Amino acid sequence: MSKGQFINYYRCPFDGEEWADVWSCCCNDMCPKCKTKDIEPYKSRDVVHTKPRKRKKEGGETGGLAGL
């Protein structure tokens, strides 16, 4: 069984920079712009992993990313 993941949304209180990052927990991060540490996420959501859909290739075969 795989470990859960979260997408955490951050906003730096010093320069207003916003970013999101995927972690295995709801943890603090560093601002990529001003490098301030320990910015708490203002929102976190569970990451939902799904199986990729098979798409038809030319000639009727399936698989890969063909048809995108």
Protein backbone atom coordinates (compact mmCIF):
# COMPACT_ATOMS: atom_id res chain seq x y z
CA MET A 1 0.00 0.00 0.00
CA SER A 2 1.44 3.37 -0.99
CA LYS A 3 1.73 6.30 1.35
CA GLY A 4 -0.76 9.15 0.95
CA GLN A 5 0.30 12.43 -0.59
CA PHE A 6 -0.91 15.98 -0.20
CA ILE A 7 -0.79 18.99 -2.45
CA ASN A 8 -0.01 21.92 -0.17
CA TYR A 9 -0.75 25.52 -1.17
CA TYR A 10 1.48 28.25 0.24
CA ARG A 11 1.54 32.06 0.32
CA CYS A 12 4.58 33.92 1.61
CA PRO A 13 3.57 36.59 4.17
CA PHE A 14 6.63 38.69 3.26
CA ASP A 15 6.54 38.94 -0.53
CA GLY A 16 3.13 37.48 -1.48
CA GLU A 17 4.61 34.67 -3.60
CA GLU A 18 2.19 31.74 -4.04
CA TRP A 19 3.11 28.16 -4.93
CA ALA A 20 1.98 24.58 -4.51
CA ASP A 21 4.00 21.47 -3.82
CA VAL A 22 3.30 17.77 -3.29
CA TRP A 23 4.50 16.21 -0.04
CA SER A 24 3.83 13.05 1.93
CA CYS A 25 2.52 15.23 4.77
CA CYS A 26 1.10 18.69 5.44
CA CYS A 27 4.43 20.35 6.14
CA ASN A 28 5.98 23.79 6.02
CA ASP A 29 8.01 24.87 3.01
CA MET A 30 10.51 27.54 1.95
CA CYS A 31 9.47 30.48 -0.23
CA PRO A 32 11.05 29.99 -3.68
CA LYS A 33 11.35 33.76 -4.16
CA CYS A 34 12.76 35.19 -0.91
CA LYS A 35 13.90 31.89 0.69
CA THR A 36 12.00 32.50 3.96
CA LYS A 37 11.72 29.17 5.77
CA ASP A 38 8.81 27.56 7.64
CA ILE A 39 5.91 28.93 5.59
CA GLU A 40 2.79 27.03 6.64
CA PRO A 41 0.36 25.85 3.96
CA TYR A 42 -2.92 27.79 3.91
CA LYS A 43 -4.65 24.80 2.28
CA SER A 44 -3.86 21.10 1.76
CA ARG A 45 -5.67 18.50 -0.33
CA ASP A 46 -5.25 14.77 -0.78
CA VAL A 47 -3.63 13.79 -4.08
CA VAL A 48 -5.76 11.31 -5.98
CA HIS A 49 -3.76 8.98 -8.20
CA THR A 50 -5.56 7.34 -11.08
CA LYS A 51 -4.47 4.79 -13.63
CA PRO A 52 -3.65 6.30 -17.04
CA ARG A 53 -6.21 5.61 -19.73
CA LYS A 54 -5.12 3.68 -22.76
CA ARG A 55 -5.68 5.59 -25.98
CA LYS A 56 -5.96 4.24 -29.46
CA LYS A 57 -2.94 4.65 -31.71
CA GLU A 58 -3.20 4.98 -35.44
CA GLY A 59 -3.88 1.55 -36.83
CA GLY A 60 -6.09 0.58 -33.86
CA GLU A 61 -3.39 -0.34 -31.31
CA THR A 62 -3.70 0.93 -27.72
CA GLY A 63 -1.26 2.18 -25.12
CA GLY A 64 1.11 5.04 -24.41
CA LEU A 65 0.25 8.70 -24.86
CA ALA A 66 -0.77 8.53 -28.50
CA GLY A 67 -3.80 10.56 -29.41
CA LEU A 68 -3.06 13.44 -27.06
